[in-house]
Protein backbone atom coordinates (compact mmCIF):
# COMPACT_ATOMS: atom_id res chain seq x y z
CA MET A 1 96.02 63.62 63.30
CA ALA A 2 93.66 65.21 60.81
CA ASP A 3 95.89 67.86 59.26
CA THR A 4 99.40 69.09 58.54
CA GLY A 5 100.82 72.58 58.42
CA TYR A 6 101.08 75.14 61.19
CA LEU A 7 99.17 76.47 64.15
CA LEU A 8 99.56 80.18 64.85
CA GLY A 9 99.61 81.39 68.45
CA LEU A 10 99.38 85.06 69.43
CA ASP A 11 100.21 86.38 72.90
CA ILE A 12 98.90 89.92 73.40
CA GLY A 13 100.91 91.21 76.35
CA SER A 14 101.21 94.63 77.90
CA SER A 15 104.96 94.57 77.16
CA SER A 16 104.95 93.09 73.65
CA ILE A 17 103.09 90.98 71.11
CA LYS A 18 104.49 87.53 70.39
CA ALA A 19 103.62 85.26 67.48
CA SER A 20 104.60 81.58 67.30
CA LEU A 21 104.20 78.97 64.57
CA LEU A 22 103.89 75.40 65.78
CA ASP A 23 104.36 72.54 63.34
CA ILE A 24 101.25 70.38 63.69
CA GLU A 25 102.95 67.01 63.20
CA SER A 26 106.23 67.45 65.07
CA GLN A 27 104.78 69.91 67.61
CA GLN A 28 108.07 71.78 67.40
CA LEU A 29 108.34 75.55 67.15
CA ALA A 30 108.84 76.43 63.49
CA ALA A 31 109.33 80.16 64.03
CA SER A 32 108.54 82.92 66.48
CA SER A 33 108.72 86.69 66.60
CA THR A 34 108.15 89.53 69.02
CA SER A 35 107.13 93.13 68.38
CA PRO A 36 108.27 95.60 69.46
CA GLN A 37 111.82 94.70 70.42
CA THR A 38 111.58 97.05 73.41
CA GLU A 39 108.62 97.08 75.78
CA LEU A 40 105.34 98.73 74.78
CA ASP A 41 104.58 102.00 76.50
CA ILE A 42 101.92 102.16 79.19
CA ILE A 43 100.06 105.47 79.16
CA SER A 44 99.59 106.92 82.65
CA PRO A 45 97.75 110.26 82.47
CA GLN A 46 97.69 110.41 86.27
CA ALA A 47 98.80 108.36 89.26
CA GLY A 48 97.12 104.94 89.36
CA PHE A 49 96.02 105.04 85.70
CA ALA A 50 97.37 102.56 83.14
CA GLU A 51 96.17 102.57 79.54
CA GLN A 52 97.15 101.30 76.10
CA ALA A 53 95.68 101.96 72.66
CA PRO A 54 94.07 98.77 71.26
CA GLU A 55 95.16 99.84 67.75
CA THR A 56 98.76 99.55 68.97
CA TRP A 57 98.27 95.86 69.78
CA TRP A 58 96.91 95.21 66.28
CA LYS A 59 99.78 97.18 64.72
CA HIS A 60 102.27 94.92 66.46
CA VAL A 61 100.31 91.78 65.55
CA LEU A 62 100.82 92.85 61.94
CA LEU A 63 104.52 93.51 62.55
CA ALA A 64 105.11 90.26 64.43
CA ILE A 65 103.40 88.16 61.76
CA GLY A 66 105.26 90.17 59.12
CA MET A 67 108.51 88.97 60.69
CA LEU A 68 107.29 85.38 60.40
CA ARG A 69 106.34 85.99 56.76
CA SER A 70 109.88 87.19 56.01
CA ASP A 71 111.34 83.89 57.24
CA PRO A 72 112.07 81.86 54.07
CA SER A 73 111.79 78.57 55.96
CA VAL A 74 108.06 78.94 56.65
CA ASP A 75 104.97 79.35 54.50
CA LEU A 76 102.15 81.16 56.28
CA LYS A 77 99.71 79.83 53.69
CA ARG A 78 99.98 76.54 55.62
CA VAL A 79 98.49 78.03 58.82
CA ARG A 80 95.41 75.98 59.75
CA ALA A 81 94.11 77.66 62.92
CA ILE A 82 94.82 80.56 65.29
CA GLY A 83 94.84 80.77 69.09
CA ILE A 84 94.96 83.96 71.15
CA ALA A 85 96.30 84.61 74.64
CA TYR A 86 96.00 88.07 76.11
CA GLN A 87 96.63 90.30 79.12
CA MET A 88 93.78 89.79 81.57
CA HIS A 89 91.28 92.20 83.13
CA GLY A 90 91.56 94.93 80.51
CA LEU A 91 88.61 96.99 79.31
CA VAL A 92 88.32 97.66 75.56
CA MET A 93 85.36 99.79 74.47
CA VAL A 94 84.30 100.02 70.81
CA ASP A 95 81.59 101.73 68.79
CA LYS A 96 79.29 100.11 66.24
CA LYS A 97 82.08 100.12 63.64
CA GLY A 98 84.43 98.28 66.01
CA ALA A 99 86.60 101.36 66.53
CA PRO A 100 87.87 102.02 70.08
CA VAL A 101 86.12 104.97 71.74
CA ALA A 102 89.02 105.44 74.20
CA ASN A 103 92.25 103.83 75.26
CA ALA A 104 91.95 100.43 76.88
CA ILE A 105 92.10 100.48 80.68
CA ILE A 106 94.56 97.66 81.35
CA TRP A 107 95.16 95.18 84.16
CA CYS A 108 97.46 97.27 86.39
CA ASP A 109 95.20 100.35 86.39
CA SER A 110 93.85 100.99 89.90
CA ARG A 111 91.30 103.77 89.32
CA ALA A 112 88.31 101.52 90.06
CA VAL A 113 89.46 100.14 93.44
CA ASP A 114 87.10 102.25 95.54
CA ILE A 115 84.15 101.58 93.21
CA GLY A 116 84.68 97.82 93.43
CA ASN A 117 85.21 97.84 97.18
CA ARG A 118 82.03 99.85 97.71
CA ALA A 119 80.08 97.42 95.51
CA PHE A 120 81.39 94.52 97.57
CA GLU A 121 80.20 96.14 100.80
CA GLU A 122 76.80 97.18 99.49
CA ILE A 123 75.98 94.01 97.53
CA GLY A 124 77.21 91.93 100.45
CA GLN A 125 80.15 89.61 101.03
CA HIS A 126 78.09 86.43 101.11
CA LYS A 127 76.38 87.14 97.79
CA CYS A 128 79.66 88.04 96.08
CA ILE A 129 81.39 84.90 97.34
CA GLU A 130 78.47 82.65 96.43
CA ARG A 131 77.85 84.01 92.94
CA LEU A 132 81.04 85.78 91.78
CA LEU A 133 83.66 83.90 93.84
CA ASN A 134 85.34 87.31 94.10
CA SER A 135 84.84 90.90 95.14
CA PRO A 136 84.10 93.17 92.16
CA GLY A 137 87.43 94.72 93.19
CA ASN A 138 89.51 96.44 90.54
CA PHE A 139 88.33 94.23 87.68
CA THR A 140 86.75 94.89 84.30
CA ALA A 141 83.16 95.42 85.47
CA SER A 142 84.29 97.99 88.04
CA LYS A 143 86.43 99.74 85.41
CA LEU A 144 83.38 99.99 83.16
CA ALA A 145 81.41 101.46 86.06
CA TRP A 146 84.20 104.02 86.53
CA VAL A 147 83.86 105.07 82.88
CA LYS A 148 80.09 105.40 83.25
CA ASN A 149 80.45 107.55 86.37
CA ASN A 150 83.39 109.68 85.28
CA GLU A 151 83.31 109.81 81.47
CA PRO A 152 79.61 109.63 80.51
CA GLY A 153 80.34 110.87 77.00
CA THR A 154 82.67 107.95 76.39
CA TYR A 155 80.21 105.51 77.95
CA ALA A 156 77.41 106.77 75.69
CA ARG A 157 79.47 105.88 72.60
CA ILE A 158 80.05 102.26 73.65
CA HIS A 159 78.51 99.55 71.49
CA LYS A 160 80.38 96.61 73.02
CA VAL A 161 83.00 96.07 75.70
CA MET A 162 85.71 93.48 75.29
CA LEU A 163 88.84 92.05 76.80
CA PRO A 164 92.10 92.59 74.87
CA GLY A 165 91.98 89.13 73.26
CA ASP A 166 88.39 89.69 72.17
CA TYR A 167 89.53 92.81 70.34
CA ILE A 168 92.23 90.94 68.41
CA ALA A 169 89.74 88.18 67.56
CA MET A 170 87.40 90.88 66.23
CA LYS A 171 90.17 92.32 64.07
CA LEU A 172 90.76 88.86 62.61
CA THR A 173 87.18 87.66 62.16
CA GLY A 174 84.94 90.72 62.25
CA ASP A 175 82.90 89.05 65.03
CA ILE A 176 82.59 90.64 68.48
CA THR A 177 82.52 87.78 70.98
CA THR A 178 83.88 86.82 74.39
CA THR A 179 84.22 83.66 76.48
CA GLN A 180 82.86 82.43 79.79
CA SER A 181 86.39 82.34 81.17
CA GLY A 182 86.85 85.92 80.00
CA LEU A 183 83.65 87.09 81.65
CA SER A 184 84.74 85.39 84.86
CA GLU A 185 88.07 87.25 84.86
CA GLY A 186 86.15 90.51 84.45
CA ILE A 187 83.94 89.51 87.44
CA MET A 188 80.93 89.48 85.15
CA TRP A 189 79.95 85.81 85.52
CA ASP A 190 77.38 84.37 87.94
CA TYR A 191 78.62 80.88 88.84
CA LYS A 192 75.44 79.97 90.73
CA HIS A 193 73.13 80.57 87.77
CA HIS A 194 75.68 80.09 84.94
CA ARG A 195 74.96 83.37 83.23
CA LEU A 196 75.98 87.02 83.07
CA ALA A 197 76.09 88.54 86.57
CA ASP A 198 72.98 90.64 86.02
CA PHE A 199 72.75 91.63 89.69
CA LEU A 200 76.17 93.30 89.47
CA PHE A 201 75.22 95.06 86.23
CA ASP A 202 72.02 96.24 87.91
CA TYR A 203 73.99 97.55 90.90
CA PHE A 204 76.34 99.52 88.62
CA ASP A 205 73.41 100.48 86.33
CA LEU A 206 75.25 99.09 83.32
CA ASN A 207 73.63 98.17 80.01
CA TYR A 208 73.57 94.38 79.46
CA GLU A 209 73.71 94.95 75.71
CA VAL A 210 77.36 96.02 75.82
CA VAL A 211 78.40 92.42 76.59
CA PRO A 212 79.23 90.39 73.46
CA SER A 213 77.88 86.94 72.67
CA ILE A 214 79.73 84.04 74.31
CA VAL A 215 81.83 81.46 72.48
CA PRO A 216 83.74 78.54 74.05
CA CYS A 217 87.45 78.84 74.87
CA PHE A 218 88.04 75.84 72.57
CA GLY A 219 86.04 75.76 69.36
CA ILE A 220 85.37 77.65 66.16
CA GLN A 221 85.01 81.25 67.37
CA GLY A 222 84.99 82.81 63.91
CA THR A 223 86.96 82.65 60.68
CA VAL A 224 89.60 85.01 59.33
CA MET A 225 88.23 87.72 57.04
CA VAL A 226 89.64 88.25 53.55
CA GLY A 227 91.03 91.69 54.43
CA ALA A 228 92.81 90.52 57.57
CA ALA A 229 94.12 87.46 55.74
CA SER A 230 95.58 89.66 53.01
CA ASP A 231 97.22 91.98 55.53
CA LEU A 232 98.75 89.07 57.44
CA GLY A 233 99.59 86.74 54.58
CA ILE A 234 97.56 83.84 55.98
CA PRO A 235 94.64 81.93 54.42
CA ALA A 236 91.17 83.47 54.60
CA GLY A 237 88.51 81.30 56.23
CA ILE A 238 90.75 79.52 58.75
CA PRO A 239 89.33 79.44 62.29
CA VAL A 240 90.22 81.36 65.40
CA SER A 241 89.66 78.33 67.62
CA TYR A 242 91.05 79.19 71.04
CA ARG A 243 91.13 82.24 73.31
CA ALA A 244 92.13 82.74 76.93
CA GLY A 245 93.63 85.24 79.34
CA ASP A 246 97.37 85.07 79.77
CA GLN A 247 97.42 83.23 83.11
CA PRO A 248 94.85 80.52 82.28
CA ASN A 249 96.68 80.19 78.96
CA ASN A 250 100.05 79.99 80.71
CA ALA A 251 98.64 77.11 82.73
CA LEU A 252 97.41 75.45 79.53
CA SER A 253 100.80 75.93 77.87
CA LEU A 254 102.37 74.05 80.81
CA TYR A 255 99.71 71.30 80.63
CA VAL A 256 98.23 72.40 83.96
CA LEU A 257 94.57 71.50 83.63
CA ASN A 258 93.59 69.34 86.61
CA PRO A 259 93.06 69.80 90.36
CA GLY A 260 96.31 70.00 92.31
CA GLU A 261 98.39 71.22 89.36
CA VAL A 262 100.09 74.62 89.68
CA ALA A 263 101.65 76.99 87.14
CA ALA A 264 103.75 80.11 87.61
CA THR A 265 105.07 82.94 85.52
CA ALA A 266 107.31 85.92 86.22
CA GLY A 267 106.96 88.33 83.34
CA THR A 268 105.84 91.92 83.85
CA SER A 269 103.90 90.63 86.85
CA GLY A 270 104.51 87.52 88.93
CA VAL A 271 101.71 84.97 89.08
CA VAL A 272 101.02 81.59 90.63
CA TYR A 273 97.91 79.83 89.31
CA GLY A 274 96.52 76.65 90.88
CA VAL A 275 93.70 74.48 89.52
CA ALA A 276 90.89 73.23 91.77
CA ASP A 277 87.59 71.42 91.22
CA THR A 278 85.70 73.15 94.03
CA PRO A 279 84.78 76.85 94.13
CA ALA A 280 87.05 78.25 96.84
CA ALA A 281 87.37 81.94 97.64
CA ASP A 282 89.61 83.90 99.97
CA PRO A 283 87.32 85.98 102.24
CA ALA A 284 89.56 89.03 101.73
CA PHE A 285 89.89 88.32 97.96
CA ARG A 286 93.67 88.62 98.10
CA VAL A 287 93.75 85.76 95.60
CA ASN A 288 91.07 85.36 92.96
CA THR A 289 89.12 82.50 91.44
CA PHE A 290 88.17 82.31 87.76
CA ALA A 291 86.80 79.74 85.33
CA HIS A 292 89.77 77.84 83.89
CA VAL A 293 90.01 77.22 80.15
CA ASN A 294 88.52 73.72 80.53
CA TYR A 295 85.69 74.76 82.86
CA THR A 296 82.28 73.26 82.16
CA GLU A 297 79.16 73.19 84.28
CA ARG A 298 79.37 69.38 84.50
CA SER A 299 83.11 69.28 85.15
CA PRO A 300 84.11 72.57 86.76
CA ARG A 301 87.76 73.58 86.84
CA TYR A 302 88.64 76.73 88.73
CA GLY A 303 91.86 78.69 88.40
CA VAL A 304 92.90 80.27 91.71
CA LEU A 305 95.30 83.09 90.95
CA LEU A 306 97.66 85.22 92.97
CA CYS A 307 99.32 88.16 91.29
CA VAL A 308 102.20 90.42 92.27
CA ASN A 309 102.09 93.38 89.89
CA GLY A 310 105.77 94.21 90.26
CA ALA A 311 108.04 91.38 89.08
CA GLY A 312 109.74 91.66 85.70
CA ILE A 313 108.76 95.33 85.58
CA LEU A 314 111.00 95.90 88.64
CA ASN A 315 113.88 94.12 86.90
CA ARG A 316 113.24 96.23 83.80
CA TRP A 317 113.26 99.44 85.89
CA LEU A 318 116.61 98.47 87.43
CA LYS A 319 117.98 97.69 83.97
CA GLN A 320 116.89 101.01 82.50
CA ASN A 321 117.81 103.24 85.44
CA LEU A 322 120.69 101.67 87.36
CA CYS A 323 122.39 99.34 84.90
CA VAL A 324 123.36 101.78 82.16
CA THR A 325 126.85 102.80 81.09
CA GLY A 326 126.78 105.59 78.55
CA SER A 327 124.12 104.58 76.05
CA GLU A 328 124.42 100.85 76.77
CA SER A 329 122.32 98.88 79.24
CA MET A 330 123.47 95.67 80.86
CA THR A 331 121.75 92.52 79.63
CA TYR A 332 119.55 90.61 82.02
CA GLU A 333 122.15 87.83 81.94
CA GLN A 334 124.81 90.28 83.10
CA MET A 335 122.50 91.55 85.82
CA ASN A 336 121.89 87.98 87.01
CA ALA A 337 125.62 87.27 87.06
CA GLU A 338 126.28 90.36 89.16
CA ALA A 339 123.49 89.44 91.57
CA GLN A 340 124.85 85.90 91.86
CA LYS A 341 128.10 87.26 93.35
CA VAL A 342 126.22 88.51 96.44
CA ALA A 343 125.52 86.19 99.37
CA PRO A 344 121.95 84.95 100.03
CA GLY A 345 120.03 87.56 102.00
CA SER A 346 121.83 90.45 100.28
CA ASP A 347 123.57 91.43 103.53
CA GLY A 348 120.31 92.66 105.02
CA LEU A 349 119.11 94.75 102.06
CA GLN A 350 115.46 94.03 101.27
CA VAL A 351 113.24 95.14 98.40
CA PHE A 352 109.45 95.42 98.36
CA PRO A 353 108.36 95.15 94.69
CA TYR A 354 105.01 96.91 95.02
CA GLY A 355 105.50 99.80 92.61
CA ASN A 356 102.99 98.90 89.91
CA GLY A 357 99.57 99.85 91.26
CA ALA A 358 97.16 98.41 93.79
CA GLU A 359 98.09 94.89 94.91
CA ARG A 360 95.43 92.24 95.33
CA THR A 361 97.46 90.22 97.86
CA LEU A 362 97.57 93.40 99.99
CA GLU A 363 93.78 93.84 99.79
CA ASN A 364 94.09 96.35 96.95
CA ALA A 365 96.43 98.63 98.90
CA ASN A 366 99.13 100.51 97.05
CA VAL A 367 102.13 100.59 99.39
CA HIS A 368 104.59 101.46 96.59
CA ALA A 369 108.00 99.92 96.03
CA SER A 370 110.68 100.52 98.64
CA LEU A 371 114.12 99.52 99.91
CA CYS A 372 114.86 98.70 103.53
CA GLY A 373 118.19 98.28 105.28
CA LEU A 374 120.35 100.12 102.71
CA ASP A 375 123.88 100.67 104.10
CA PHE A 376 126.10 102.92 101.97
CA SER A 377 129.27 101.28 103.28
CA VAL A 378 128.10 97.71 102.62
CA HIS A 379 125.72 97.55 99.68
CA SER A 380 126.52 97.72 95.99
CA ARG A 381 124.48 97.51 92.82
CA GLY A 382 124.85 93.73 92.95
CA HIS A 383 123.19 93.70 96.38
CA LEU A 384 120.23 95.62 94.97
CA LEU A 385 119.92 93.30 91.98
CA ARG A 386 119.90 90.22 94.20
CA ALA A 387 117.61 91.79 96.80
CA ALA A 388 115.15 92.63 94.01
CA GLN A 389 114.94 88.99 92.91
CA GLU A 390 114.62 87.84 96.52
CA GLY A 391 111.94 90.48 97.19
CA ILE A 392 109.86 89.34 94.23
CA VAL A 393 110.02 85.77 95.51
CA PHE A 394 109.10 86.87 99.04
CA ALA A 395 106.06 88.68 97.62
CA LEU A 396 105.07 85.52 95.74
CA ARG A 397 105.57 83.42 98.89
CA PHE A 398 103.29 85.81 100.78
CA GLY A 399 100.63 85.18 98.15
CA LEU A 400 101.27 81.44 98.09
CA ASP A 401 100.51 81.19 101.79
CA ILE A 402 97.13 82.78 101.06
CA LEU A 403 96.60 80.45 98.09
CA ARG A 404 97.19 77.44 100.29
CA THR A 405 94.40 78.53 102.66
CA THR A 406 91.88 78.12 99.80
CA GLY A 407 92.75 74.43 99.55
CA VAL A 408 95.18 74.55 96.63
CA SER A 409 98.06 72.15 97.21
CA VAL A 410 101.43 73.61 96.22
CA LYS A 411 104.07 70.88 96.12
CA THR A 412 105.27 71.11 92.53
CA VAL A 413 105.12 74.26 90.42
CA ARG A 414 105.58 74.27 86.66
CA ALA A 415 106.83 77.35 84.79
CA GLY A 416 108.11 78.28 81.37
CA HIS A 417 111.89 78.58 81.09
CA ALA A 418 111.44 82.27 80.29
CA ASN A 419 111.43 85.78 81.73
CA MET A 420 112.72 85.80 85.31
CA PHE A 421 112.78 82.00 85.48
CA ARG A 422 115.69 82.15 83.05
CA SER A 423 117.73 83.27 86.05
CA GLY A 424 119.17 80.28 87.89
CA LEU A 425 119.30 82.46 90.99
CA PHE A 426 115.62 83.36 90.79
CA ALA A 427 114.63 79.72 90.20
CA GLU A 428 116.62 78.48 93.22
CA VAL A 429 115.33 81.24 95.51
CA PHE A 430 111.75 80.52 94.36
CA ALA A 431 112.00 76.77 95.02
CA THR A 432 113.69 77.27 98.40
CA VAL A 433 111.55 80.09 99.77
CA CYS A 434 108.28 78.55 98.53
CA ASN A 435 109.31 75.01 99.56
CA ALA A 436 108.17 73.56 96.26
CA ASP A 437 109.82 71.60 93.48
CA LEU A 438 110.04 73.68 90.32
CA GLU A 439 109.72 72.20 86.83
CA LEU A 440 110.80 74.40 83.93
CA CYS A 441 109.50 73.74 80.42
CA ASN A 442 110.63 75.14 77.09
CA THR A 443 107.34 76.75 76.16
CA ASP A 444 105.56 80.08 76.38
CA GLY A 445 102.15 81.66 76.05
CA ALA A 446 102.19 81.97 72.27
CA ALA A 447 103.13 78.30 71.84
CA GLY A 448 100.41 77.37 74.33
CA ALA A 449 97.86 79.38 72.37
CA ALA A 450 98.93 77.53 69.22
CA ARG A 451 98.35 74.15 70.91
CA GLY A 452 95.00 75.44 72.17
CA ALA A 453 94.08 76.36 68.59
CA GLY A 454 94.86 72.81 67.53
CA MET A 455 92.58 71.45 70.24
CA GLY A 456 89.77 73.90 69.44
CA ALA A 457 89.91 73.13 65.72
CA GLY A 458 89.83 69.38 66.33
CA ILE A 459 93.31 68.96 64.81
CA TYR A 460 94.41 67.42 68.10
CA ARG A 461 91.85 65.01 69.49
CA SER A 462 92.75 65.60 73.15
CA ALA A 463 94.93 67.66 75.46
CA GLN A 464 97.13 64.61 75.91
CA GLU A 465 97.77 64.49 72.17
CA ALA A 466 98.34 68.24 71.96
CA PHE A 467 101.01 68.16 74.68
CA LYS A 468 102.74 64.88 73.95
CA SER A 469 105.95 66.70 72.98
CA LEU A 470 106.08 69.03 76.00
CA ALA A 471 109.31 68.35 77.89
CA ILE A 472 110.65 69.44 81.27
CA THR A 473 114.02 71.05 80.57
CA ARG A 474 115.11 71.59 84.17
CA ARG A 475 114.04 70.63 87.69
CA VAL A 476 114.95 72.81 90.66
CA SER A 477 114.42 71.57 94.22
CA PRO A 478 114.55 73.58 97.45
CA ASN A 479 118.14 74.02 98.63
CA PRO A 480 118.25 72.70 102.22
CA LYS A 481 121.51 74.56 102.88
CA LEU A 482 119.77 77.89 102.25
CA ALA A 483 116.36 77.10 103.77
CA GLY A 484 117.23 78.49 107.22
CA THR A 485 118.82 81.67 105.85
CA TYR A 486 115.84 82.42 103.65
CA ALA A 487 113.35 81.57 106.39
CA ASP A 488 114.96 84.25 108.58
CA CYS A 489 115.12 86.75 105.71
CA TYR A 490 111.48 86.16 104.82
CA ALA A 491 110.35 86.58 108.44
CA THR A 492 112.15 89.94 108.60
CA TRP A 493 110.74 90.96 105.22
CA LEU A 494 107.23 90.04 106.39
CA ASP A 495 107.53 92.14 109.56
CA LYS A 496 108.63 95.15 107.52
CA LEU A 497 105.80 94.62 105.04
CA GLN A 498 103.24 94.70 107.85
CA THR A 499 104.77 97.96 109.09
CA ALA A 500 104.56 99.44 105.58
CA ARG A 501 100.93 98.38 105.25
CA SER A 502 100.02 99.92 108.61
CA LEU A 503 101.73 103.17 107.59
CA SER A 504 99.90 103.14 104.24
CA ARG A 505 96.53 102.69 105.99
CA SER A 506 97.34 105.52 108.42
CA VAL A 507 98.27 107.87 105.57
CA LYS A 508 95.08 106.97 103.68
CA THR A 509 93.00 107.63 106.81
CA MET A 510 94.67 111.00 107.34
CA LYS A 511 94.13 111.98 103.69
CA GLN A 512 90.45 111.03 103.93
CA ALA A 513 90.08 113.09 107.11
CA VAL A 514 91.53 116.11 105.31
CA LEU A 515 89.16 115.60 102.36
CA ASP A 516 86.18 115.22 104.69
């Protein structure tokens, strides 16, 4: 090992900013912090819109690192490199001074669905599959096209567009850059010709010049400026040496890098992410394919991702609205304990966790969250808490079945022992319903970004060296005693979902007829 000291990992989420210090030699977490202590606000000026101010992310980076600086057991002057993980698919727009020209349009915003769907139809399915591996859908390029079409004054002020992690890297280094993996998550990358998807930019009539220069996911992406170093209390000149979206980074943090390996997370959203070495695409684009962090032209690695927007955010909603006594909310541990008292299947109560925008697994439909089977004489709050966890797992299982059709093998899934996977109930339901062994590891996105920084800076010579200390803290296997019960519950849930989707399509058709 070429160095001692710390690696700093930043995880720029839509709920909070987390900072972790990893000791280079022991690979143990030296300190971590989160800001704010409650979830960040999401600005929703109208239905389907979801925005955040990029300056808010930077403010909480400063606060989170300030918490680390106040820890007497660590010395931030020993930080040797920085890695950044970030919420995917966001659109950050800045002027020539690097100042945002508007709020960032974040991942769960659904304003660009129709624009992306129309592009898919007019460009052609075959061309999109062959060159983008995805429909333009509701991703970053389509969001930029929405700005151009609907807010031309804002669009005219744009110097560069970035993803959220690119913005934080700019605040640290002064350099405006992005990555190939980042461009792929924005549906801006042409896999056939290994370049910017110029044909999509031409279709949307977007200016190529707004795209930053490309740096590798692992490598020296820039060095920390004197001003940023002074504000943060870290050395000037150290490299930002790793950057990736939260789900590719989550896979990295779990040492999921090779074909057949699968990672999961259940934070604000629920995600399963499988790695493949062949470019597979779902014809309906209910799951999406991106360049993984270790993708190269000679050795391609694709991340096939399914996302359920409503996972932890549903649990949070229940906590804030139904689990409050006076001014005090129940803890998540208390909520899990109450849910655990209810029998599997929640006595017929079922929850559909689709209340956080358009859902990719439902072909970008927004069917909204709902309850089904509520009986006032039978069901209690505990039933609802358990049914919510079961409903999130059923939604993930629905996506997993699609993922499997692309050729991703799902036998063992690895996840961080965090967020909803901290619930023993959730972990058991997940393993049983998805018929997969679950391995839980004591790591998270910020720690993964720190390890990635060590790899990118050459401090660790290989991924194997960087992850030699990663340990599986718990294994959860499918419960054969509950398999039949959950198979029946899932079949019922699936029938009701199809009914809800049909109703949603009928309502949309009727609304369009009225508008026409």
